[in-house]
């Protein structure tokens, strides 16, 4: 899977680096000063790199946990996101990462302990208040778990902080590390879900809806709290029937006692990212949808977005209590 590994000079002997490179004995190894030398240069061919991404092992120095934008959350008043990785195994056409980064290579920050120190410090500042930390903003939380062992390393850490909650956002079926341990009640495994008819067109390389639901079911049966993320909603003719069928399929499997939250949000991209992605995929039908610029964000025309949100909200609330529902207002 990984044919080339770049490694920052300063971390060549880091135990996590040594462990990872031993898993890929045939991979070409290249040393660099800082990961940005490989990751940030302009004029890289994102589409070509996406066919065989390299892995870049790096160290992060600051901004370990960032405040999430207002309108994004699942109930807590204090919300942060953190990214142990940059870029994703999958190739979803609507993903903002391809507009945000110059490179399709994966960056893995191996200094997990520095992330943990900052998270611990934030939680100590308000020890009686719940703090939510979201993983999966700049990557998929679990897709490279066999390589990164991210969940394996972070779940025991979060267990020790009484006011810390963790969301693992994913489309992945890499859930073995979760099934091999006792569930942690302040962790939500949140699956991003899209109707099959849409997913097959815009979620390249991602597991099928059925495979995600199989993984979700196994986790639920094992005792994990589940989150459902219908975000972004994607428009196409007949979306009403497609989303209604999706909700019926999903909630036929869901134990509401183990359902933590459901979120819903419309397709949106910052204008700068949209232009870059559209240039990468000029023939993509998704970008021929009825879109408009709303204060620097490219999204569906307001009337259509409101129609979709209203329809899907009404459908979802036939399955779940409103207290578990968190529409994204970004």
Protein backbone atom coordinates (compact mmCIF):
# COMPACT_ATOMS: atom_id res chain seq x y z
CA UNK A 1 0.00 0.00 0.00
CA UNK A 2 2.77 2.46 0.97
CA UNK A 3 5.66 2.50 -1.52
CA UNK A 4 7.46 5.65 -0.37
CA UNK A 5 7.98 7.00 3.16
CA UNK A 6 9.41 10.46 3.88
CA UNK A 7 10.82 10.93 7.39
CA UNK A 8 11.85 14.13 9.10
CA UNK A 9 15.50 13.96 10.22
CA UNK A 10 14.71 14.91 13.82
CA UNK A 11 12.46 11.89 14.37
CA UNK A 12 14.38 9.14 12.60
CA UNK A 13 14.82 7.30 15.90
CA UNK A 14 11.39 8.04 17.32
CA UNK A 15 9.91 4.71 18.55
CA UNK A 16 6.69 5.25 16.57
CA UNK A 17 8.69 5.93 13.39
CA UNK A 18 10.82 2.83 13.89
CA UNK A 19 7.69 0.73 14.44
CA UNK A 20 5.99 2.04 11.30
CA UNK A 21 8.91 1.64 8.92
CA UNK A 22 9.46 -1.95 10.03
CA UNK A 23 5.94 -2.66 8.76
CA UNK A 24 6.95 -1.54 5.25
CA UNK A 25 10.38 -3.09 4.65
CA UNK A 26 10.05 -2.73 0.86
CA UNK A 27 9.14 0.97 0.94
CA UNK A 28 11.59 3.55 -0.32
CA UNK A 29 12.73 5.83 2.53
CA UNK A 30 13.62 9.47 1.99
CA UNK A 31 14.82 11.85 4.68
CA UNK A 32 13.69 15.48 4.76
CA UNK A 33 14.19 18.47 7.04
CA UNK A 34 10.52 19.37 7.56
CA UNK A 35 7.44 17.77 6.06
CA UNK A 36 6.45 21.01 4.37
CA UNK A 37 9.34 20.59 1.94
CA UNK A 38 7.45 17.64 0.47
CA UNK A 39 3.86 18.52 1.28
CA UNK A 40 3.55 22.25 0.57
CA UNK A 41 5.25 23.04 -2.78
CA UNK A 42 2.90 24.27 -5.47
CA UNK A 43 2.49 22.72 -8.91
CA UNK A 44 2.10 19.20 -7.48
CA UNK A 45 -0.21 16.86 -9.37
CA UNK A 46 -2.85 16.03 -6.77
CA UNK A 47 -4.72 13.60 -9.01
CA UNK A 48 -1.55 11.70 -9.92
CA UNK A 49 -0.37 11.55 -6.30
CA UNK A 50 -3.77 10.28 -5.21
CA UNK A 51 -3.14 7.08 -7.18
CA UNK A 52 -0.13 6.15 -5.00
CA UNK A 53 0.23 8.51 -2.05
CA UNK A 54 3.43 8.54 -0.05
CA UNK A 55 3.48 8.54 3.74
CA UNK A 56 5.25 11.45 5.44
CA UNK A 57 6.24 10.94 9.07
CA UNK A 58 6.51 14.28 10.84
CA UNK A 59 6.47 16.10 14.15
CA UNK A 60 3.91 18.78 15.01
CA UNK A 61 5.06 21.73 17.11
CA UNK A 62 1.95 23.78 17.90
CA UNK A 63 -1.84 24.07 17.46
CA UNK A 64 -2.46 20.56 18.70
CA UNK A 65 -6.12 21.18 19.57
CA UNK A 66 -8.15 23.87 17.77
CA UNK A 67 -11.51 25.43 18.63
CA UNK A 68 -14.21 24.18 16.25
CA UNK A 69 -16.32 26.72 14.32
CA UNK A 70 -19.56 27.80 15.96
CA UNK A 71 -22.53 25.78 14.75
CA UNK A 72 -20.55 22.54 14.83
CA UNK A 73 -20.96 20.23 17.79
CA UNK A 74 -22.98 17.51 19.48
CA UNK A 75 -24.11 19.09 22.71
CA UNK A 76 -21.09 20.43 24.62
CA UNK A 77 -20.32 24.13 24.93
CA UNK A 78 -16.56 23.60 24.58
CA UNK A 79 -15.55 21.84 21.35
CA UNK A 80 -12.12 21.24 19.84
CA UNK A 81 -10.74 19.28 16.91
CA UNK A 82 -7.32 17.73 16.55
CA UNK A 83 -5.61 16.08 13.61
CA UNK A 84 -2.99 13.40 14.00
CA UNK A 85 -3.00 13.13 10.20
CA UNK A 86 -3.40 15.31 7.15
CA UNK A 87 -5.23 13.84 4.14
CA UNK A 88 -7.41 10.81 3.72
CA UNK A 89 -7.19 7.30 2.31
CA UNK A 90 -10.43 7.88 0.42
CA UNK A 91 -11.14 10.11 -2.57
CA UNK A 92 -14.55 11.66 -1.95
CA UNK A 93 -15.25 14.22 -4.62
CA UNK A 94 -16.87 16.68 -2.22
CA UNK A 95 -13.99 16.64 0.30
CA UNK A 96 -12.47 20.03 1.14
CA UNK A 97 -9.01 18.52 1.72
CA UNK A 98 -8.27 18.35 -2.02
CA UNK A 99 -8.89 22.08 -2.19
CA UNK A 100 -6.99 22.83 1.00
CA UNK A 101 -3.71 20.99 0.40
CA UNK A 102 -1.22 21.03 -2.46
CA UNK A 103 -0.38 17.37 -1.96
CA UNK A 104 -2.33 14.11 -1.80
CA UNK A 105 0.36 12.45 0.32
CA UNK A 106 -0.46 11.45 3.88
CA UNK A 107 1.19 13.27 6.78
CA UNK A 108 1.26 11.44 10.09
CA UNK A 109 2.34 13.39 13.16
CA UNK A 110 3.99 10.81 15.38
CA UNK A 111 4.32 12.90 18.56
CA UNK A 112 0.99 11.77 20.02
CA UNK A 113 2.11 12.67 23.54
CA UNK A 114 2.25 16.38 22.69
CA UNK A 115 -1.36 16.26 21.48
CA UNK A 116 -2.28 14.51 24.70
CA UNK A 117 -0.50 17.06 26.90
CA UNK A 118 -2.44 19.94 25.34
CA UNK A 119 -5.77 18.09 25.56
CA UNK A 120 -5.08 17.30 29.22
CA UNK A 121 -4.25 20.94 29.92
CA UNK A 122 -7.46 22.19 28.25
CA UNK A 123 -9.56 19.77 30.26
CA UNK A 124 -7.86 20.78 33.51
CA UNK A 125 -8.86 24.42 32.96
CA UNK A 126 -12.58 23.58 33.36
CA UNK A 127 -12.60 20.19 35.15
CA UNK A 128 -16.35 20.17 35.84
CA UNK A 129 -17.38 20.96 32.26
CA UNK A 130 -17.63 18.41 29.44
CA UNK A 131 -15.07 18.96 26.67
CA UNK A 132 -15.63 17.41 23.25
CA UNK A 133 -12.67 16.60 21.01
CA UNK A 134 -13.27 15.70 17.37
CA UNK A 135 -10.84 13.56 15.42
CA UNK A 136 -11.41 13.14 11.71
CA UNK A 137 -11.45 16.74 10.46
CA UNK A 138 -8.27 16.58 8.35
CA UNK A 139 -8.34 12.81 7.89
CA UNK A 140 -10.42 9.72 8.55
CA UNK A 141 -9.96 8.73 12.20
CA UNK A 142 -9.73 4.97 11.60
CA UNK A 143 -8.88 4.33 7.94
CA UNK A 144 -5.13 3.90 8.61
CA UNK A 145 -5.51 2.48 12.12
CA UNK A 146 -3.41 -0.64 11.33
CA UNK A 147 -0.51 1.72 10.55
CA UNK A 148 -1.05 4.63 12.95
CA UNK A 149 -2.60 2.79 15.93
CA UNK A 150 -4.16 6.15 16.73
CA UNK A 151 -7.31 4.88 18.46
CA UNK A 152 -5.31 2.22 20.28
CA UNK A 153 -3.06 4.94 21.73
CA UNK A 154 -5.65 7.66 22.41
CA UNK A 155 -8.56 5.74 23.91
CA UNK A 156 -6.69 4.78 27.13
CA UNK A 157 -5.56 8.41 27.41
CA UNK A 158 -9.09 9.82 27.11
CA UNK A 159 -10.39 7.26 29.61
CA UNK A 160 -8.25 8.88 32.31
CA UNK A 161 -9.77 12.38 31.87
CA UNK A 162 -13.25 12.46 33.43
CA UNK A 163 -14.55 15.48 31.48
CA UNK A 164 -13.12 14.56 28.06
CA UNK A 165 -15.24 13.15 25.23
CA UNK A 166 -13.79 11.85 21.97
CA UNK A 167 -15.48 11.53 18.58
CA UNK A 168 -13.88 9.26 16.00
CA UNK A 169 -15.32 10.35 12.64
CA UNK A 170 -14.95 7.69 9.96
CA UNK A 171 -16.14 5.91 6.85
CA UNK A 172 -13.81 3.02 7.62
CA UNK A 173 -14.35 -0.61 8.50
CA UNK A 174 -11.04 -0.72 10.40
CA UNK A 175 -12.67 -1.30 13.77
CA UNK A 176 -10.75 -4.33 15.00
CA UNK A 177 -8.83 -2.36 17.64
CA UNK A 178 -12.16 -1.18 19.09
CA UNK A 179 -13.66 -4.66 19.07
CA UNK A 180 -10.57 -6.04 20.81
CA UNK A 181 -11.11 -3.90 23.91
CA UNK A 182 -13.86 -2.87 26.29
CA UNK A 183 -15.99 0.04 24.99
CA UNK A 184 -15.28 3.48 26.41
CA UNK A 185 -18.56 5.31 27.21
CA UNK A 186 -17.21 8.80 26.47
CA UNK A 187 -16.17 7.85 22.95
CA UNK A 188 -18.55 8.22 20.00
CA UNK A 189 -17.72 6.27 16.85
CA UNK A 190 -19.39 8.47 14.25
CA UNK A 191 -19.99 7.06 10.78
CA UNK A 192 -20.45 9.33 7.74
CA UNK A 193 -23.26 7.86 5.64
CA UNK A 194 -24.60 8.65 2.16
CA UNK A 195 -27.26 6.92 0.03
CA UNK A 196 -25.81 4.12 -2.08
CA UNK A 197 -26.86 5.75 -5.37
CA UNK A 198 -24.87 8.85 -4.45
CA UNK A 199 -21.93 7.23 -2.65
CA UNK A 200 -21.02 5.12 -5.69
CA UNK A 201 -20.62 8.34 -7.69
CA UNK A 202 -18.81 10.66 -5.29
CA UNK A 203 -17.09 8.53 -2.60
CA UNK A 204 -14.31 6.80 -4.51
CA UNK A 205 -12.22 4.26 -2.57
CA UNK A 206 -14.50 4.45 0.49
CA UNK A 207 -16.17 1.29 1.83
CA UNK A 208 -19.69 0.70 0.56
CA UNK A 209 -22.66 1.75 2.66
CA UNK A 210 -23.36 -1.89 3.54
CA UNK A 211 -19.81 -2.46 4.77
CA UNK A 212 -19.99 0.65 6.93
CA UNK A 213 -23.29 -0.51 8.39
CA UNK A 214 -21.80 -3.94 9.10
CA UNK A 215 -18.93 -2.29 11.01
CA UNK A 216 -21.38 -0.02 12.83
CA UNK A 217 -23.50 -3.01 13.86
CA UNK A 218 -20.49 -4.91 15.23
CA UNK A 219 -19.42 -1.92 17.30
CA UNK A 220 -22.92 -1.37 18.62
CA UNK A 221 -23.26 -5.02 19.59
CA UNK A 222 -19.93 -4.74 21.40
CA UNK A 223 -21.24 -1.80 23.43
CA UNK A 224 -19.79 1.28 21.71
CA UNK A 225 -21.79 4.51 21.43
CA UNK A 226 -22.58 5.32 17.80
CA UNK A 227 -22.93 8.61 15.98
CA UNK A 228 -24.59 9.05 12.59
CA UNK A 229 -23.31 11.83 10.34
CA UNK A 230 -25.45 12.59 7.29
CA UNK A 231 -23.09 15.31 6.21
CA UNK A 232 -22.77 16.47 3.55
CA UNK A 233 -26.17 15.88 1.99
CA UNK A 234 -25.69 15.59 -1.76
CA UNK A 235 -28.39 16.59 -4.20
CA UNK A 236 -29.46 14.61 -7.21
CA UNK A 237 -32.80 13.95 -8.82
CA UNK A 238 -34.85 11.72 -6.55
CA UNK A 239 -32.84 12.57 -3.43
CA UNK A 240 -35.98 12.38 -1.28
CA UNK A 241 -36.53 8.70 -1.99
CA UNK A 242 -32.81 7.94 -1.71
CA UNK A 243 -32.41 9.58 1.70
CA UNK A 244 -35.66 8.14 2.99
CA UNK A 245 -34.47 4.68 1.99
CA UNK A 246 -31.09 5.35 3.64
CA UNK A 247 -32.69 6.39 6.92
CA UNK A 248 -34.96 3.34 6.93
CA UNK A 249 -32.00 1.05 6.24
CA UNK A 250 -29.85 2.64 8.96
CA UNK A 251 -32.45 2.83 11.70
CA UNK A 252 -33.55 -0.75 11.14
CA UNK A 253 -30.11 -1.62 12.59
CA UNK A 254 -29.74 1.05 15.26
CA UNK A 255 -30.27 0.48 18.95
CA UNK A 256 -31.45 3.90 20.11
CA UNK A 257 -30.05 3.27 23.58
CA UNK A 258 -26.56 3.24 22.08
CA UNK A 259 -27.14 6.08 19.62
CA UNK A 260 -25.38 9.16 20.93
CA UNK A 261 -26.21 11.70 18.23
CA UNK A 262 -27.26 12.35 14.65
CA UNK A 263 -26.00 15.31 12.63
CA UNK A 264 -27.15 16.68 9.30
CA UNK A 265 -25.51 19.23 7.03
CA UNK A 266 -25.60 20.39 3.42
CA UNK A 267 -22.76 20.31 0.89
CA UNK A 268 -20.53 23.36 1.22
CA UNK A 269 -16.99 24.36 0.30
CA UNK A 270 -15.06 27.59 0.78
CA UNK A 271 -14.92 29.40 -2.57
CA UNK A 272 -11.13 29.14 -2.76
CA UNK A 273 -11.21 25.38 -2.23
CA UNK A 274 -14.13 24.93 -4.62
CA UNK A 275 -12.25 26.63 -7.47
CA UNK A 276 -9.25 24.38 -6.95
CA UNK A 277 -11.32 21.18 -6.76
CA UNK A 278 -13.36 22.19 -9.81
CA UNK A 279 -10.12 22.71 -11.72
CA UNK A 280 -8.97 19.22 -10.69
CA UNK A 281 -12.27 17.64 -11.81
CA UNK A 282 -13.87 19.95 -14.39
CA UNK A 283 -16.25 17.25 -15.65
CA UNK A 284 -17.54 16.23 -12.22
CA UNK A 285 -21.35 16.25 -12.24
CA UNK A 286 -21.46 17.22 -8.57
CA UNK A 287 -20.17 20.66 -9.48
CA UNK A 288 -22.84 21.10 -12.15
CA UNK A 289 -25.49 21.07 -9.41
CA UNK A 290 -27.52 24.22 -8.67
CA UNK A 291 -24.80 25.93 -6.60
CA UNK A 292 -24.28 29.52 -5.48
CA UNK A 293 -21.85 31.60 -3.47
CA UNK A 294 -23.17 32.43 0.00
CA UNK A 295 -20.75 34.73 1.82
CA UNK A 296 -17.66 33.00 0.46
CA UNK A 297 -19.05 29.46 0.74
CA UNK A 298 -20.16 27.50 -2.32
CA UNK A 299 -23.30 25.54 -1.51
CA UNK A 300 -26.66 24.69 -2.98
CA UNK A 301 -29.00 27.53 -3.76
CA UNK A 302 -30.64 28.65 -0.55
CA UNK A 303 -34.10 27.44 -1.52
CA UNK A 304 -32.81 23.97 -2.41
CA UNK A 305 -30.63 23.72 0.70
CA UNK A 306 -33.57 24.66 2.93
CA UNK A 307 -35.79 22.17 1.12
CA UNK A 308 -33.25 19.36 1.62
CA UNK A 309 -32.64 20.24 5.28
CA UNK A 310 -36.37 20.42 5.97
CA UNK A 311 -37.13 17.11 4.24
CA UNK A 312 -34.28 15.17 5.86
CA UNK A 313 -34.89 16.71 9.28
CA UNK A 314 -38.55 15.72 9.16
CA UNK A 315 -37.62 12.18 8.14
CA UNK A 316 -34.93 11.80 10.82
CA UNK A 317 -37.20 13.00 13.60
CA UNK A 318 -39.58 10.14 12.87
CA UNK A 319 -36.78 7.82 14.03
CA UNK A 320 -35.01 9.72 16.82
CA UNK A 321 -35.85 12.10 19.66
CA UNK A 322 -34.98 15.73 18.93
CA UNK A 323 -32.50 15.79 21.82
CA UNK A 324 -30.18 13.53 19.80
CA UNK A 325 -30.39 15.67 16.64
CA UNK A 326 -27.71 18.27 15.78
CA UNK A 327 -28.19 20.04 12.45
CA UNK A 328 -25.05 21.78 11.24
CA UNK A 329 -25.65 25.52 10.90
CA UNK A 330 -22.32 26.45 9.29
